[in-house]
Amino acid sequence: MIYVGIDPGLRSGAVAAIDHNGKVTGCADIPAIDDRVDVISLNTLIRSMIPNGDDFCITIEQVGVMPGQGISSTGRFMRAAGAIETVGLLLAKEIVLVRPQAWKKALGVTAEKETSLNLARSLFPEASLKRKKDHGRAEALLIAEYTRRQS
């Protein structure tokens, strides 16, 4: 079984996959063209993370409007989240949406991005998480790990 985790977003979103043993099978930023998710590349990217046609599930962080964010930014973000969810549904026929509070509490991380980076670096040392801006990748990995632990 492959567990795909997605942290939605246009600029900081990411997708990652781990197998039933917690080994990383893929981890990357959400591909974008200008101000839109590149849905064709995202579809190809997710497929490339699922070796040998293994069974898989997709878990996406359930997002909402963020206080203080402008209308234009909110519109772009929600459009990106919808595009990501649609790609997930086309691939998996069923996806799981998880609130950030649920997976973060279960894994013991806070809203501070550094806590997600630190935990993901310790659980997945083979993943490319060297930069501070890799927090989206870290959170995608942790969303996949959350789902693996729930199974």
C-alpha atoms as a PDB file:
ATOM      1  CA  MET A   1       0.000   0.000   0.000  1.00  0.00           C
ATOM      2  CA  ILE A   2       1.202   3.489  -0.862  1.00  0.00           C
ATOM      3  CA  TYR A   3       0.070   6.469   1.196  1.00  0.00           C
ATOM      4  CA  VAL A   4       0.000   9.764  -0.688  1.00  0.00           C
ATOM      5  CA  GLY A   5      -0.152  12.954   1.364  1.00  0.00           C
ATOM      6  CA  ILE A   6      -0.877  16.363  -0.094  1.00  0.00           C
ATOM      7  CA  ASP A   7      -0.360  19.757   1.505  1.00  0.00           C
ATOM      8  CA  PRO A   8      -2.386  21.995  -0.840  1.00  0.00           C
ATOM      9  CA  GLY A   9      -1.093  25.268  -2.114  1.00  0.00           C
ATOM     10  CA  LEU A  10       0.184  27.008  -5.180  1.00  0.00           C
ATOM     11  CA  ARG A  11       3.506  28.370  -3.957  1.00  0.00           C
ATOM     12  CA  SER A  12       4.216  26.134  -0.963  1.00  0.00           C
ATOM     13  CA  GLY A  13       2.079  23.065  -1.662  1.00  0.00           C
ATOM     14  CA  ALA A  14       3.619  19.635  -1.946  1.00  0.00           C
ATOM     15  CA  VAL A  15       2.854  15.990  -2.535  1.00  0.00           C
ATOM     16  CA  ALA A  16       4.630  13.010  -1.002  1.00  0.00           C
ATOM     17  CA  ALA A  17       4.202   9.262  -0.885  1.00  0.00           C
ATOM     18  CA  ILE A  18       5.414   6.537   1.460  1.00  0.00           C
ATOM     19  CA  ASP A  19       4.966   2.789   1.422  1.00  0.00           C
ATOM     20  CA  HIS A  20       3.510   0.582   4.157  1.00  0.00           C
ATOM     21  CA  ASN A  21       6.926   0.505   5.883  1.00  0.00           C
ATOM     22  CA  GLY A  22       7.269   4.297   5.893  1.00  0.00           C
ATOM     23  CA  LYS A  23       9.830   4.402   3.056  1.00  0.00           C
ATOM     24  CA  VAL A  24       9.565   7.477   0.839  1.00  0.00           C
ATOM     25  CA  THR A  25       8.535   6.683  -2.743  1.00  0.00           C
ATOM     26  CA  GLY A  26       8.327  10.325  -3.813  1.00  0.00           C
ATOM     27  CA  CYS A  27       8.307  13.880  -2.542  1.00  0.00           C
ATOM     28  CA  ALA A  28       7.975  17.092  -4.568  1.00  0.00           C
ATOM     29  CA  ASP A  29       6.435  20.531  -4.747  1.00  0.00           C
ATOM     30  CA  ILE A  30       3.058  20.945  -6.454  1.00  0.00           C
ATOM     31  CA  PRO A  31       3.810  21.800 -10.100  1.00  0.00           C
ATOM     32  CA  ALA A  32       2.447  25.152 -11.245  1.00  0.00           C
ATOM     33  CA  ILE A  33       2.212  27.240 -14.383  1.00  0.00           C
ATOM     34  CA  ASP A  34       1.916  30.925 -13.594  1.00  0.00           C
ATOM     35  CA  ASP A  35      -0.914  31.222 -11.041  1.00  0.00           C
ATOM     36  CA  ARG A  36      -2.447  27.783 -11.587  1.00  0.00           C
ATOM     37  CA  VAL A  37      -1.727  24.214 -10.593  1.00  0.00           C
ATOM     38  CA  ASP A  38      -0.338  22.249 -13.551  1.00  0.00           C
ATOM     39  CA  VAL A  39      -2.893  19.456 -13.230  1.00  0.00           C
ATOM     40  CA  ILE A  40      -1.397  17.306 -15.995  1.00  0.00           C
ATOM     41  CA  SER A  41       2.050  17.393 -14.366  1.00  0.00           C
ATOM     42  CA  LEU A  42       0.525  16.789 -10.922  1.00  0.00           C
ATOM     43  CA  ASN A  43      -1.300  13.718 -12.243  1.00  0.00           C
ATOM     44  CA  THR A  44       1.946  12.378 -13.765  1.00  0.00           C
ATOM     45  CA  LEU A  45       3.887  13.196 -10.602  1.00  0.00           C
ATOM     46  CA  ILE A  46       1.510  11.316  -8.308  1.00  0.00           C
ATOM     47  CA  ARG A  47       1.453   8.319 -10.655  1.00  0.00           C
ATOM     48  CA  SER A  48       5.268   8.244 -10.634  1.00  0.00           C
ATOM     49  CA  MET A  49       5.213   7.922  -6.826  1.00  0.00           C
ATOM     50  CA  ILE A  50       3.152   4.717  -6.959  1.00  0.00           C
ATOM     51  CA  PRO A  51       5.494   1.924  -8.031  1.00  0.00           C
ATOM     52  CA  ASN A  52       4.315  -1.204  -9.828  1.00  0.00           C
ATOM     53  CA  GLY A  53       0.648  -0.248  -9.771  1.00  0.00           C
ATOM     54  CA  ASP A  54       0.464  -0.761  -5.991  1.00  0.00           C
ATOM     55  CA  ASP A  55      -2.762  -0.007  -4.148  1.00  0.00           C
ATOM     56  CA  PHE A  56      -2.783   3.560  -2.859  1.00  0.00           C
ATOM     57  CA  CYS A  57      -4.821   6.108  -0.993  1.00  0.00           C
ATOM     58  CA  ILE A  58      -4.659   9.891  -1.141  1.00  0.00           C
ATOM     59  CA  THR A  59      -5.055  12.126   1.896  1.00  0.00           C
ATOM     60  CA  ILE A  60      -5.332  15.864   1.400  1.00  0.00           C
ATOM     61  CA  GLU A  61      -5.169  18.460   4.130  1.00  0.00           C
ATOM     62  CA  GLN A  62      -8.595  20.091   4.385  1.00  0.00           C
ATOM     63  CA  VAL A  63      -8.015  23.790   3.930  1.00  0.00           C
ATOM     64  CA  GLY A  64     -10.133  26.850   4.424  1.00  0.00           C
ATOM     65  CA  VAL A  65      -9.905  30.595   4.162  1.00  0.00           C
ATOM     66  CA  MET A  66      -7.061  32.039   6.208  1.00  0.00           C
ATOM     67  CA  PRO A  67      -7.796  35.170   8.279  1.00  0.00           C
ATOM     68  CA  GLY A  68      -6.037  38.289   7.071  1.00  0.00           C
ATOM     69  CA  GLN A  69      -5.404  36.962   3.579  1.00  0.00           C
ATOM     70  CA  GLY A  70      -6.514  39.172   0.696  1.00  0.00           C
ATOM     71  CA  ILE A  71      -9.359  38.286  -1.637  1.00  0.00           C
ATOM     72  CA  SER A  72      -7.082  37.693  -4.613  1.00  0.00           C
ATOM     73  CA  SER A  73      -4.702  35.444  -2.643  1.00  0.00           C
ATOM     74  CA  THR A  74      -7.624  33.547  -1.144  1.00  0.00           C
ATOM     75  CA  GLY A  75      -9.115  33.016  -4.593  1.00  0.00           C
ATOM     76  CA  ARG A  76      -5.834  31.640  -5.994  1.00  0.00           C
ATOM     77  CA  PHE A  77      -5.341  29.396  -2.976  1.00  0.00           C
ATOM     78  CA  MET A  78      -8.846  27.937  -3.048  1.00  0.00           C
ATOM     79  CA  ARG A  79      -8.695  27.443  -6.831  1.00  0.00           C
ATOM     80  CA  ALA A  80      -5.417  25.555  -6.344  1.00  0.00           C
ATOM     81  CA  ALA A  81      -6.938  23.434  -3.570  1.00  0.00           C
ATOM     82  CA  GLY A  82      -9.896  22.559  -5.812  1.00  0.00           C
ATOM     83  CA  ALA A  83      -7.632  21.591  -8.702  1.00  0.00           C
ATOM     84  CA  ILE A  84      -5.522  19.386  -6.416  1.00  0.00           C
ATOM     85  CA  GLU A  85      -8.608  17.705  -4.973  1.00  0.00           C
ATOM     86  CA  THR A  86      -9.948  17.068  -8.479  1.00  0.00           C
ATOM     87  CA  VAL A  87      -6.698  15.391  -9.588  1.00  0.00           C
ATOM     88  CA  GLY A  88      -6.845  13.260  -6.446  1.00  0.00           C
ATOM     89  CA  LEU A  89     -10.420  12.195  -7.175  1.00  0.00           C
ATOM     90  CA  LEU A  90      -9.590  11.326 -10.775  1.00  0.00           C
ATOM     91  CA  LEU A  91      -6.715   9.126  -9.641  1.00  0.00           C
ATOM     92  CA  ALA A  92      -8.105   7.475  -6.536  1.00  0.00           C
ATOM     93  CA  LYS A  93     -11.892   7.702  -6.930  1.00  0.00           C
ATOM     94  CA  GLU A  94     -11.972   8.409  -3.201  1.00  0.00           C
ATOM     95  CA  ILE A  95      -9.809  10.706  -1.167  1.00  0.00           C
ATOM     96  CA  VAL A  96      -9.559  11.428   2.530  1.00  0.00           C
ATOM     97  CA  LEU A  97      -9.650  15.006   3.760  1.00  0.00           C
ATOM     98  CA  VAL A  98      -7.977  15.589   7.107  1.00  0.00           C
ATOM     99  CA  ARG A  99      -8.071  18.761   9.144  1.00  0.00           C
ATOM    100  CA  PRO A 100      -4.630  20.114  10.012  1.00  0.00           C
ATOM    101  CA  GLN A 101      -5.483  20.074  13.713  1.00  0.00           C
ATOM    102  CA  ALA A 102      -6.156  16.311  13.584  1.00  0.00           C
ATOM    103  CA  TRP A 103      -2.966  15.122  11.896  1.00  0.00           C
ATOM    104  CA  LYS A 104      -0.750  17.632  13.696  1.00  0.00           C
ATOM    105  CA  LYS A 105      -2.108  16.642  17.113  1.00  0.00           C
ATOM    106  CA  ALA A 106      -1.707  12.933  16.315  1.00  0.00           C
ATOM    107  CA  LEU A 107       1.933  13.429  15.298  1.00  0.00           C
ATOM    108  CA  GLY A 108       2.772  15.969  17.989  1.00  0.00           C
ATOM    109  CA  VAL A 109       3.595  18.961  15.815  1.00  0.00           C
ATOM    110  CA  THR A 110       2.359  22.522  16.157  1.00  0.00           C
ATOM    111  CA  ALA A 111       1.355  25.239  13.717  1.00  0.00           C
ATOM    112  CA  GLU A 112       5.026  26.292  13.651  1.00  0.00           C
ATOM    113  CA  LYS A 113       6.446  25.030  10.354  1.00  0.00           C
ATOM    114  CA  GLU A 114       9.792  24.224  11.986  1.00  0.00           C
ATOM    115  CA  THR A 115       8.203  21.452  14.090  1.00  0.00           C
ATOM    116  CA  SER A 116       6.942  19.727  10.943  1.00  0.00           C
ATOM    117  CA  LEU A 117      10.341  20.060   9.280  1.00  0.00           C
ATOM    118  CA  ASN A 118      12.149  18.634  12.302  1.00  0.00           C
ATOM    119  CA  LEU A 119       9.844  15.625  12.646  1.00  0.00           C
ATOM    120  CA  ALA A 120       9.843  14.868   8.913  1.00  0.00           C
ATOM    121  CA  ARG A 121      13.638  15.107   8.789  1.00  0.00           C
ATOM    122  CA  SER A 122      13.917  12.588  11.621  1.00  0.00           C
ATOM    123  CA  LEU A 123      11.311  10.166  10.219  1.00  0.00           C
ATOM    124  CA  PHE A 124      12.392  10.472   6.577  1.00  0.00           C
ATOM    125  CA  PRO A 125      16.133  11.257   6.455  1.00  0.00           C
ATOM    126  CA  GLU A 126      16.261  10.240   2.786  1.00  0.00           C
ATOM    127  CA  ALA A 127      13.781  12.972   1.773  1.00  0.00           C
ATOM    128  CA  SER A 128      15.044  16.251   0.365  1.00  0.00           C
ATOM    129  CA  LEU A 129      14.095  18.643   3.185  1.00  0.00           C
ATOM    130  CA  LYS A 130      17.199  20.789   3.447  1.00  0.00           C
ATOM    131  CA  ARG A 131      15.616  24.219   2.954  1.00  0.00           C
ATOM    132  CA  LYS A 132      13.321  26.095   5.323  1.00  0.00           C
ATOM    133  CA  LYS A 133      10.861  26.473   2.441  1.00  0.00           C
ATOM    134  CA  ASP A 134      10.569  22.656   2.251  1.00  0.00           C
ATOM    135  CA  HIS A 135       7.926  22.804   5.005  1.00  0.00           C
ATOM    136  CA  GLY A 136       5.247  21.925   2.426  1.00  0.00           C
ATOM    137  CA  ARG A 137       7.133  18.741   1.527  1.00  0.00           C
ATOM    138  CA  ALA A 138       7.568  17.960   5.218  1.00  0.00           C
ATOM    139  CA  GLU A 139       3.867  18.383   5.872  1.00  0.00           C
ATOM    140  CA  ALA A 140       2.915  16.255   2.841  1.00  0.00           C
ATOM    141  CA  LEU A 141       5.156  13.476   4.187  1.00  0.00           C
ATOM    142  CA  LEU A 142       3.611  13.799   7.639  1.00  0.00           C
ATOM    143  CA  ILE A 143       0.075  13.696   6.223  1.00  0.00           C
ATOM    144  CA  ALA A 144       1.011  10.443   4.460  1.00  0.00           C
ATOM    145  CA  GLU A 145       2.527   9.120   7.708  1.00  0.00           C
ATOM    146  CA  TYR A 146      -0.611  10.089   9.635  1.00  0.00           C
ATOM    147  CA  THR A 147      -2.712   8.040   7.203  1.00  0.00           C
ATOM    148  CA  ARG A 148      -0.301   5.098   7.369  1.00  0.00           C
ATOM    149  CA  ARG A 149      -0.572   5.059  11.154  1.00  0.00           C
ATOM    150  CA  GLN A 150      -4.377   5.243  10.985  1.00  0.00           C
ATOM    151  CA  SER A 151      -4.551   2.173   8.739  1.00  0.00           C
END
